[in-house]
């Protein structure tokens, strides 16, 4: 199984069978997404999209996929799924917390997250979009991945670990809108029991951005992004003495095999 990081919270998963699953598409104003992943050929290669919630930096890229890959399966929490259906998306499958969808190489389960969810919040009055979620991706004869989505520290992480037994966690750790590095480290040490943790929801700096011009535009529109930039290493630094879990920092556009 391969994981490619394409943004602060957008990740591409490729199974051993070759299927491609994309979490939280965000292309416009995404300084972490290389140009090679913003092409029609890439959009057409995606087999399914999973949305953790409705905020623009997790959903705005969906329209580009829809244009060239209209039959691509999109899985979202019920209220958000209904909104997308009304917007003309053809292949929407609604889930709610605890619900699952079975692919031929992976079982996807929607799990709890502690965060808010609205849709088109940057275009006027926000639309209520249900609750935020995370996902368990249980790949056949392979790793089980927990993608936390945007979340605060919560005791549910212990239940998620006990029941679904993930071996890899992609964990929010940027602070500001999610838990920060200290909280994420506590979760790894006391609530989760994974082999690998990947810091998430952290934005690139000028040194790590795929597009410095896009980063400048994003910072101009949303200055608060600066508070979440370059914080990947902070989680890793809090886990230097944690023997059970290895922190892996995936650079933007980097593919890692597990």
C-alpha atoms as a PDB file:
ATOM      1  CA  UNK A   1       0.000   0.000   0.000  1.00  0.00           C
ATOM      2  CA  UNK A   2       1.254   3.477  -0.911  1.00  0.00           C
ATOM      3  CA  UNK A   3       0.436   6.870   0.595  1.00  0.00           C
ATOM      4  CA  UNK A   4       1.122  10.156  -1.206  1.00  0.00           C
ATOM      5  CA  UNK A   5       0.698  13.476   0.565  1.00  0.00           C
ATOM      6  CA  UNK A   6      -0.854  16.130  -1.664  1.00  0.00           C
ATOM      7  CA  UNK A   7      -1.643  18.890   0.817  1.00  0.00           C
ATOM      8  CA  UNK A   8      -2.180  19.720   4.453  1.00  0.00           C
ATOM      9  CA  UNK A   9      -4.946  17.092   4.714  1.00  0.00           C
ATOM     10  CA  UNK A  10      -5.246  15.614   1.202  1.00  0.00           C
ATOM     11  CA  UNK A  11      -3.800  12.121   0.819  1.00  0.00           C
ATOM     12  CA  UNK A  12      -3.798   9.616  -2.011  1.00  0.00           C
ATOM     13  CA  UNK A  13      -3.919   5.914  -1.136  1.00  0.00           C
ATOM     14  CA  UNK A  14      -3.016   3.254  -3.679  1.00  0.00           C
ATOM     15  CA  UNK A  15      -3.768  -0.357  -2.825  1.00  0.00           C
ATOM     16  CA  UNK A  16      -1.717  -3.373  -3.879  1.00  0.00           C
ATOM     17  CA  UNK A  17      -4.399  -3.971  -6.519  1.00  0.00           C
ATOM     18  CA  UNK A  18      -3.756  -0.503  -7.953  1.00  0.00           C
ATOM     19  CA  UNK A  19      -6.962   1.259  -6.908  1.00  0.00           C
ATOM     20  CA  UNK A  20      -6.583   4.938  -6.024  1.00  0.00           C
ATOM     21  CA  UNK A  21      -8.504   6.568  -3.186  1.00  0.00           C
ATOM     22  CA  UNK A  22      -8.298  10.305  -2.490  1.00  0.00           C
ATOM     23  CA  UNK A  23      -9.171  11.922   0.850  1.00  0.00           C
ATOM     24  CA  UNK A  24     -10.272  15.587   1.001  1.00  0.00           C
ATOM     25  CA  UNK A  25      -9.550  17.041  -2.475  1.00  0.00           C
ATOM     26  CA  UNK A  26      -8.152  20.581  -2.321  1.00  0.00           C
ATOM     27  CA  UNK A  27      -6.402  21.919  -5.430  1.00  0.00           C
ATOM     28  CA  UNK A  28      -7.016  25.664  -5.832  1.00  0.00           C
ATOM     29  CA  UNK A  29      -4.838  27.643  -3.413  1.00  0.00           C
ATOM     30  CA  UNK A  30      -3.118  24.457  -2.261  1.00  0.00           C
ATOM     31  CA  UNK A  31       0.606  25.267  -2.001  1.00  0.00           C
ATOM     32  CA  UNK A  32       1.470  21.660  -1.192  1.00  0.00           C
ATOM     33  CA  UNK A  33       0.081  19.978  -4.315  1.00  0.00           C
ATOM     34  CA  UNK A  34       2.555  19.485  -7.191  1.00  0.00           C
ATOM     35  CA  UNK A  35       1.306  20.369 -10.678  1.00  0.00           C
ATOM     36  CA  UNK A  36       1.475  16.743 -11.837  1.00  0.00           C
ATOM     37  CA  UNK A  37      -1.425  15.980  -9.489  1.00  0.00           C
ATOM     38  CA  UNK A  38      -3.573  18.806 -10.868  1.00  0.00           C
ATOM     39  CA  UNK A  39      -4.128  17.367 -14.337  1.00  0.00           C
ATOM     40  CA  UNK A  40      -7.131  15.778 -16.015  1.00  0.00           C
ATOM     41  CA  UNK A  41      -5.246  12.506 -16.317  1.00  0.00           C
ATOM     42  CA  UNK A  42      -4.746  12.376 -12.558  1.00  0.00           C
ATOM     43  CA  UNK A  43      -8.368  13.284 -11.844  1.00  0.00           C
ATOM     44  CA  UNK A  44      -9.511  10.512 -14.196  1.00  0.00           C
ATOM     45  CA  UNK A  45      -7.316   7.968 -12.398  1.00  0.00           C
ATOM     46  CA  UNK A  46      -9.107   8.365  -9.057  1.00  0.00           C
ATOM     47  CA  UNK A  47     -11.437   5.492  -8.186  1.00  0.00           C
ATOM     48  CA  UNK A  48     -13.133   7.067  -5.158  1.00  0.00           C
ATOM     49  CA  UNK A  49     -13.072  10.221  -3.043  1.00  0.00           C
ATOM     50  CA  UNK A  50     -13.663  10.326   0.713  1.00  0.00           C
ATOM     51  CA  UNK A  51     -14.665  13.603   2.384  1.00  0.00           C
ATOM     52  CA  UNK A  52     -14.096  14.104   6.107  1.00  0.00           C
ATOM     53  CA  UNK A  53     -16.222  17.272   6.253  1.00  0.00           C
ATOM     54  CA  UNK A  54     -17.421  20.200   4.182  1.00  0.00           C
ATOM     55  CA  UNK A  55     -14.895  22.979   4.760  1.00  0.00           C
ATOM     56  CA  UNK A  56     -13.450  24.498   1.590  1.00  0.00           C
ATOM     57  CA  UNK A  57      -9.910  23.233   2.173  1.00  0.00           C
ATOM     58  CA  UNK A  58     -11.259  19.671   2.157  1.00  0.00           C
ATOM     59  CA  UNK A  59     -13.862  19.792  -0.639  1.00  0.00           C
ATOM     60  CA  UNK A  60     -13.178  22.590  -3.136  1.00  0.00           C
ATOM     61  CA  UNK A  61     -11.217  20.322  -5.470  1.00  0.00           C
ATOM     62  CA  UNK A  62     -14.182  18.018  -5.938  1.00  0.00           C
ATOM     63  CA  UNK A  63     -15.559  20.130  -8.800  1.00  0.00           C
ATOM     64  CA  UNK A  64     -12.417  19.523 -10.882  1.00  0.00           C
ATOM     65  CA  UNK A  65     -12.737  15.774 -10.456  1.00  0.00           C
ATOM     66  CA  UNK A  66     -16.436  15.946 -11.315  1.00  0.00           C
ATOM     67  CA  UNK A  67     -15.716  17.713 -14.625  1.00  0.00           C
ATOM     68  CA  UNK A  68     -13.536  14.953 -16.080  1.00  0.00           C
ATOM     69  CA  UNK A  69     -14.488  11.958 -13.921  1.00  0.00           C
ATOM     70  CA  UNK A  70     -18.228  12.425 -13.282  1.00  0.00           C
ATOM     71  CA  UNK A  71     -18.827   8.795 -12.297  1.00  0.00           C
ATOM     72  CA  UNK A  72     -16.145   8.818  -9.608  1.00  0.00           C
ATOM     73  CA  UNK A  73     -17.591   7.531  -6.334  1.00  0.00           C
ATOM     74  CA  UNK A  74     -17.759  10.171  -3.585  1.00  0.00           C
ATOM     75  CA  UNK A  75     -18.387   9.133   0.017  1.00  0.00           C
ATOM     76  CA  UNK A  76     -19.416  11.766   2.546  1.00  0.00           C
ATOM     77  CA  UNK A  77     -21.352  12.216   5.777  1.00  0.00           C
ATOM     78  CA  UNK A  78     -25.115  12.192   5.197  1.00  0.00           C
ATOM     79  CA  UNK A  79     -25.905  15.928   5.209  1.00  0.00           C
ATOM     80  CA  UNK A  80     -22.918  16.791   3.033  1.00  0.00           C
ATOM     81  CA  UNK A  81     -23.787  13.937   0.675  1.00  0.00           C
ATOM     82  CA  UNK A  82     -27.299  15.349   0.237  1.00  0.00           C
ATOM     83  CA  UNK A  83     -25.881  18.795  -0.595  1.00  0.00           C
ATOM     84  CA  UNK A  84     -23.557  17.324  -3.215  1.00  0.00           C
ATOM     85  CA  UNK A  85     -26.400  15.313  -4.739  1.00  0.00           C
ATOM     86  CA  UNK A  86     -28.434  18.507  -5.090  1.00  0.00           C
ATOM     87  CA  UNK A  87     -25.453  20.091  -6.844  1.00  0.00           C
ATOM     88  CA  UNK A  88     -25.563  17.408  -9.514  1.00  0.00           C
ATOM     89  CA  UNK A  89     -22.916  14.925  -8.429  1.00  0.00           C
ATOM     90  CA  UNK A  90     -23.903  11.562  -9.916  1.00  0.00           C
ATOM     91  CA  UNK A  91     -22.266   8.948  -7.728  1.00  0.00           C
ATOM     92  CA  UNK A  92     -22.625   9.981  -4.090  1.00  0.00           C
ATOM     93  CA  UNK A  93     -22.766   7.395  -1.315  1.00  0.00           C
ATOM     94  CA  UNK A  94     -23.811   8.743   2.101  1.00  0.00           C
ATOM     95  CA  UNK A  95     -22.408   7.345   5.310  1.00  0.00           C
ATOM     96  CA  UNK A  96     -22.726   8.329   8.934  1.00  0.00           C
ATOM     97  CA  UNK A  97     -20.562   7.634  11.946  1.00  0.00           C
ATOM     98  CA  UNK A  98     -20.064   3.872  12.201  1.00  0.00           C
ATOM     99  CA  UNK A  99     -21.155   3.120   8.637  1.00  0.00           C
ATOM    100  CA  UNK A 100     -18.987   1.211   6.171  1.00  0.00           C
ATOM    101  CA  UNK A 101     -18.494   0.709   2.441  1.00  0.00           C
ATOM    102  CA  UNK A 102     -16.759  -2.410   1.120  1.00  0.00           C
ATOM    103  CA  UNK A 103     -14.480  -2.214  -1.927  1.00  0.00           C
ATOM    104  CA  UNK A 104     -12.828  -5.240  -3.520  1.00  0.00           C
ATOM    105  CA  UNK A 105      -9.515  -4.399  -1.812  1.00  0.00           C
ATOM    106  CA  UNK A 106     -10.471  -2.339   1.225  1.00  0.00           C
ATOM    107  CA  UNK A 107     -13.241  -1.722   3.763  1.00  0.00           C
ATOM    108  CA  UNK A 108     -13.896   1.935   4.564  1.00  0.00           C
ATOM    109  CA  UNK A 109     -15.529   2.930   7.859  1.00  0.00           C
ATOM    110  CA  UNK A 110     -16.537   6.425   8.926  1.00  0.00           C
ATOM    111  CA  UNK A 111     -15.556   7.216  12.516  1.00  0.00           C
ATOM    112  CA  UNK A 112     -16.008  10.057  14.960  1.00  0.00           C
ATOM    113  CA  UNK A 113     -14.036  13.322  14.826  1.00  0.00           C
ATOM    114  CA  UNK A 114     -14.308  16.358  17.091  1.00  0.00           C
ATOM    115  CA  UNK A 115     -14.644  19.313  14.726  1.00  0.00           C
ATOM    116  CA  UNK A 116     -17.280  21.388  12.947  1.00  0.00           C
ATOM    117  CA  UNK A 117     -18.537  21.063   9.377  1.00  0.00           C
ATOM    118  CA  UNK A 118     -20.024  23.602   6.995  1.00  0.00           C
ATOM    119  CA  UNK A 119     -20.030  23.987   3.222  1.00  0.00           C
ATOM    120  CA  UNK A 120     -19.261  26.979   0.987  1.00  0.00           C
ATOM    121  CA  UNK A 121     -18.313  28.927   4.107  1.00  0.00           C
ATOM    122  CA  UNK A 122     -15.997  31.188   2.092  1.00  0.00           C
ATOM    123  CA  UNK A 123     -18.753  32.125  -0.387  1.00  0.00           C
ATOM    124  CA  UNK A 124     -21.259  33.811   1.908  1.00  0.00           C
ATOM    125  CA  UNK A 125     -23.508  32.218   4.502  1.00  0.00           C
ATOM    126  CA  UNK A 126     -22.135  28.790   5.460  1.00  0.00           C
ATOM    127  CA  UNK A 127     -24.371  25.781   4.777  1.00  0.00           C
ATOM    128  CA  UNK A 128     -24.746  23.282   7.617  1.00  0.00           C
ATOM    129  CA  UNK A 129     -23.017  20.095   6.480  1.00  0.00           C
ATOM    130  CA  UNK A 130     -23.564  17.635   9.313  1.00  0.00           C
ATOM    131  CA  UNK A 131     -20.672  16.424  11.454  1.00  0.00           C
ATOM    132  CA  UNK A 132     -16.996  15.951  10.771  1.00  0.00           C
ATOM    133  CA  UNK A 133     -15.548  12.484  10.572  1.00  0.00           C
ATOM    134  CA  UNK A 134     -12.413  10.442  10.242  1.00  0.00           C
ATOM    135  CA  UNK A 135     -11.978   7.203   8.315  1.00  0.00           C
ATOM    136  CA  UNK A 136     -10.640   3.719   8.854  1.00  0.00           C
ATOM    137  CA  UNK A 137      -9.207   2.220   5.653  1.00  0.00           C
ATOM    138  CA  UNK A 138      -8.780  -1.506   6.253  1.00  0.00           C
ATOM    139  CA  UNK A 139      -6.805  -2.729   3.237  1.00  0.00           C
ATOM    140  CA  UNK A 140      -7.070  -6.437   2.438  1.00  0.00           C
ATOM    141  CA  UNK A 141      -4.001  -8.367   3.665  1.00  0.00           C
ATOM    142  CA  UNK A 142      -2.264  -5.068   4.337  1.00  0.00           C
ATOM    143  CA  UNK A 143      -2.176  -2.158   6.770  1.00  0.00           C
ATOM    144  CA  UNK A 144      -5.217  -0.601   8.392  1.00  0.00           C
ATOM    145  CA  UNK A 145      -4.992   3.195   8.218  1.00  0.00           C
ATOM    146  CA  UNK A 146      -6.739   5.685  10.485  1.00  0.00           C
ATOM    147  CA  UNK A 147      -7.162   9.118   8.866  1.00  0.00           C
ATOM    148  CA  UNK A 148      -8.317  11.371  11.703  1.00  0.00           C
ATOM    149  CA  UNK A 149      -9.711  14.141   9.541  1.00  0.00           C
ATOM    150  CA  UNK A 150      -9.752  17.415  11.468  1.00  0.00           C
ATOM    151  CA  UNK A 151     -10.137  16.574  15.135  1.00  0.00           C
ATOM    152  CA  UNK A 152      -9.413  17.689  18.653  1.00  0.00           C
ATOM    153  CA  UNK A 153      -8.041  15.334  21.271  1.00  0.00           C
ATOM    154  CA  UNK A 154     -10.834  12.938  22.260  1.00  0.00           C
ATOM    155  CA  UNK A 155     -11.253   9.723  24.208  1.00  0.00           C
ATOM    156  CA  UNK A 156     -12.859   8.163  21.111  1.00  0.00           C
ATOM    157  CA  UNK A 157      -9.329   7.619  19.796  1.00  0.00           C
ATOM    158  CA  UNK A 158      -8.914   4.821  22.343  1.00  0.00           C
ATOM    159  CA  UNK A 159     -12.117   3.141  21.160  1.00  0.00           C
ATOM    160  CA  UNK A 160     -11.067   3.513  17.515  1.00  0.00           C
ATOM    161  CA  UNK A 161      -7.756   1.822  18.304  1.00  0.00           C
ATOM    162  CA  UNK A 162      -9.277  -0.963  20.395  1.00  0.00           C
ATOM    163  CA  UNK A 163     -11.931  -1.908  17.867  1.00  0.00           C
ATOM    164  CA  UNK A 164     -10.445  -1.204  14.419  1.00  0.00           C
ATOM    165  CA  UNK A 165      -6.785  -1.785  15.350  1.00  0.00           C
ATOM    166  CA  UNK A 166      -5.147   0.623  12.890  1.00  0.00           C
ATOM    167  CA  UNK A 167      -1.427   0.203  12.300  1.00  0.00           C
ATOM    168  CA  UNK A 168      -0.937   3.634  10.692  1.00  0.00           C
ATOM    169  CA  UNK A 169      -2.441   6.927  11.888  1.00  0.00           C
ATOM    170  CA  UNK A 170      -2.598  10.120   9.848  1.00  0.00           C
ATOM    171  CA  UNK A 171      -3.179  12.509  12.717  1.00  0.00           C
ATOM    172  CA  UNK A 172      -4.130  16.188  12.859  1.00  0.00           C
ATOM    173  CA  UNK A 173      -1.416  18.038  14.754  1.00  0.00           C
ATOM    174  CA  UNK A 174      -1.325  21.646  13.539  1.00  0.00           C
ATOM    175  CA  UNK A 175      -3.183  23.393  16.345  1.00  0.00           C
ATOM    176  CA  UNK A 176      -5.490  26.378  15.693  1.00  0.00           C
ATOM    177  CA  UNK A 177      -8.385  24.362  14.216  1.00  0.00           C
ATOM    178  CA  UNK A 178      -7.347  20.875  15.346  1.00  0.00           C
ATOM    179  CA  UNK A 179      -5.323  19.441  18.192  1.00  0.00           C
ATOM    180  CA  UNK A 180      -1.712  20.552  18.287  1.00  0.00           C
ATOM    181  CA  UNK A 181       1.527  18.561  18.458  1.00  0.00           C
ATOM    182  CA  UNK A 182       1.408  18.054  22.244  1.00  0.00           C
ATOM    183  CA  UNK A 183      -2.153  16.738  22.157  1.00  0.00           C
ATOM    184  CA  UNK A 184      -1.378  14.532  19.172  1.00  0.00           C
ATOM    185  CA  UNK A 185       1.661  13.124  20.971  1.00  0.00           C
ATOM    186  CA  UNK A 186      -0.511  12.336  23.986  1.00  0.00           C
ATOM    187  CA  UNK A 187      -2.945  10.539  21.688  1.00  0.00           C
ATOM    188  CA  UNK A 188      -0.130   8.460  20.201  1.00  0.00           C
ATOM    189  CA  UNK A 189       1.359   7.552  23.574  1.00  0.00           C
ATOM    190  CA  UNK A 190      -1.816   6.948  25.588  1.00  0.00           C
ATOM    191  CA  UNK A 191      -4.791   6.359  23.261  1.00  0.00           C
ATOM    192  CA  UNK A 192      -3.452   4.843  20.047  1.00  0.00           C
ATOM    193  CA  UNK A 193      -1.185   1.855  19.476  1.00  0.00           C
ATOM    194  CA  UNK A 194      -0.004   2.262  15.891  1.00  0.00           C
ATOM    195  CA  UNK A 195       3.291   1.371  14.237  1.00  0.00           C
ATOM    196  CA  UNK A 196       3.499   4.669  12.360  1.00  0.00           C
ATOM    197  CA  UNK A 197       2.043   8.144  12.824  1.00  0.00           C
ATOM    198  CA  UNK A 198       2.007  10.752  10.062  1.00  0.00           C
ATOM    199  CA  UNK A 199       1.566  14.410  11.159  1.00  0.00           C
ATOM    200  CA  UNK A 200      -1.280  16.071   9.262  1.00  0.00           C
ATOM    201  CA  UNK A 201      -3.153  19.362   8.768  1.00  0.00           C
ATOM    202  CA  UNK A 202       0.167  21.207   8.701  1.00  0.00           C
ATOM    203  CA  UNK A 203       0.840  23.641   5.867  1.00  0.00           C
ATOM    204  CA  UNK A 204       4.120  24.062   3.973  1.00  0.00           C
ATOM    205  CA  UNK A 205       6.637  26.836   4.478  1.00  0.00           C
ATOM    206  CA  UNK A 206       8.410  28.734   1.702  1.00  0.00           C
ATOM    207  CA  UNK A 207      11.087  26.061   1.792  1.00  0.00           C
ATOM    208  CA  UNK A 208       8.708  23.095   1.449  1.00  0.00           C
ATOM    209  CA  UNK A 209       5.871  24.512  -0.681  1.00  0.00           C
ATOM    210  CA  UNK A 210       5.341  23.072  -4.147  1.00  0.00           C
ATOM    211  CA  UNK A 211       4.284  26.565  -5.228  1.00  0.00           C
ATOM    212  CA  UNK A 212       5.549  29.608  -3.314  1.00  0.00           C
ATOM    213  CA  UNK A 213       3.250  31.839  -5.365  1.00  0.00           C
ATOM    214  CA  UNK A 214       0.217  29.808  -4.266  1.00  0.00           C
ATOM    215  CA  UNK A 215       1.411  29.905  -0.658  1.00  0.00           C
ATOM    216  CA  UNK A 216       1.640  33.707  -0.824  1.00  0.00           C
ATOM    217  CA  UNK A 217      -1.906  33.912  -2.187  1.00  0.00           C
ATOM    218  CA  UNK A 218      -3.186  31.576   0.525  1.00  0.00           C
ATOM    219  CA  UNK A 219      -1.471  33.556   3.283  1.00  0.00           C
ATOM    220  CA  UNK A 220      -2.865  36.803   1.895  1.00  0.00           C
ATOM    221  CA  UNK A 221      -6.402  35.407   1.926  1.00  0.00           C
ATOM    222  CA  UNK A 222      -6.039  33.426   5.174  1.00  0.00           C
ATOM    223  CA  UNK A 223      -3.168  34.788   7.309  1.00  0.00           C
ATOM    224  CA  UNK A 224      -4.016  32.275  10.040  1.00  0.00           C
ATOM    225  CA  UNK A 225      -2.426  29.554   7.881  1.00  0.00           C
ATOM    226  CA  UNK A 226       0.973  30.825   9.059  1.00  0.00           C
ATOM    227  CA  UNK A 227       0.181  29.460  12.527  1.00  0.00           C
ATOM    228  CA  UNK A 228      -0.092  25.945  11.080  1.00  0.00           C
ATOM    229  CA  UNK A 229       2.935  25.992   8.780  1.00  0.00           C
ATOM    230  CA  UNK A 230       5.889  23.666   9.215  1.00  0.00           C
ATOM    231  CA  UNK A 231       4.658  21.972  12.391  1.00  0.00           C
ATOM    232  CA  UNK A 232       5.207  18.376  11.253  1.00  0.00           C
ATOM    233  CA  UNK A 233       8.515  18.060  13.066  1.00  0.00           C
ATOM    234  CA  UNK A 234       6.985  19.221  16.359  1.00  0.00           C
ATOM    235  CA  UNK A 235       4.952  16.048  16.714  1.00  0.00           C
ATOM    236  CA  UNK A 236       7.992  13.957  15.845  1.00  0.00           C
ATOM    237  CA  UNK A 237      10.060  15.806  18.456  1.00  0.00           C
ATOM    238  CA  UNK A 238       7.509  14.967  21.155  1.00  0.00           C
ATOM    239  CA  UNK A 239       7.780  11.277  20.276  1.00  0.00           C
ATOM    240  CA  UNK A 240      11.553  10.810  20.316  1.00  0.00           C
ATOM    241  CA  UNK A 241      11.301   8.501  23.345  1.00  0.00           C
ATOM    242  CA  UNK A 242       8.169   6.683  22.170  1.00  0.00           C
ATOM    243  CA  UNK A 243       9.368   3.186  21.321  1.00  0.00           C
ATOM    244  CA  UNK A 244       6.093   1.706  20.066  1.00  0.00           C
ATOM    245  CA  UNK A 245       5.384   4.271  17.315  1.00  0.00           C
ATOM    246  CA  UNK A 246       7.582   5.820  14.634  1.00  0.00           C
ATOM    247  CA  UNK A 247       6.737   9.306  13.360  1.00  0.00           C
ATOM    248  CA  UNK A 248       7.034   9.598   9.586  1.00  0.00           C
ATOM    249  CA  UNK A 249       7.041  13.015   7.947  1.00  0.00           C
ATOM    250  CA  UNK A 250       5.780  12.760   4.378  1.00  0.00           C
ATOM    251  CA  UNK A 251       6.789  15.712   2.228  1.00  0.00           C
ATOM    252  CA  UNK A 252       4.289  17.270  -0.180  1.00  0.00           C
ATOM    253  CA  UNK A 253       4.132  15.177  -3.326  1.00  0.00           C
ATOM    254  CA  UNK A 254       6.127  12.363  -1.736  1.00  0.00           C
ATOM    255  CA  UNK A 255       4.970   8.751  -2.072  1.00  0.00           C
ATOM    256  CA  UNK A 256       5.758   6.317   0.751  1.00  0.00           C
ATOM    257  CA  UNK A 257       5.279   2.555   0.555  1.00  0.00           C
ATOM    258  CA  UNK A 258       4.245   0.592   3.640  1.00  0.00           C
END
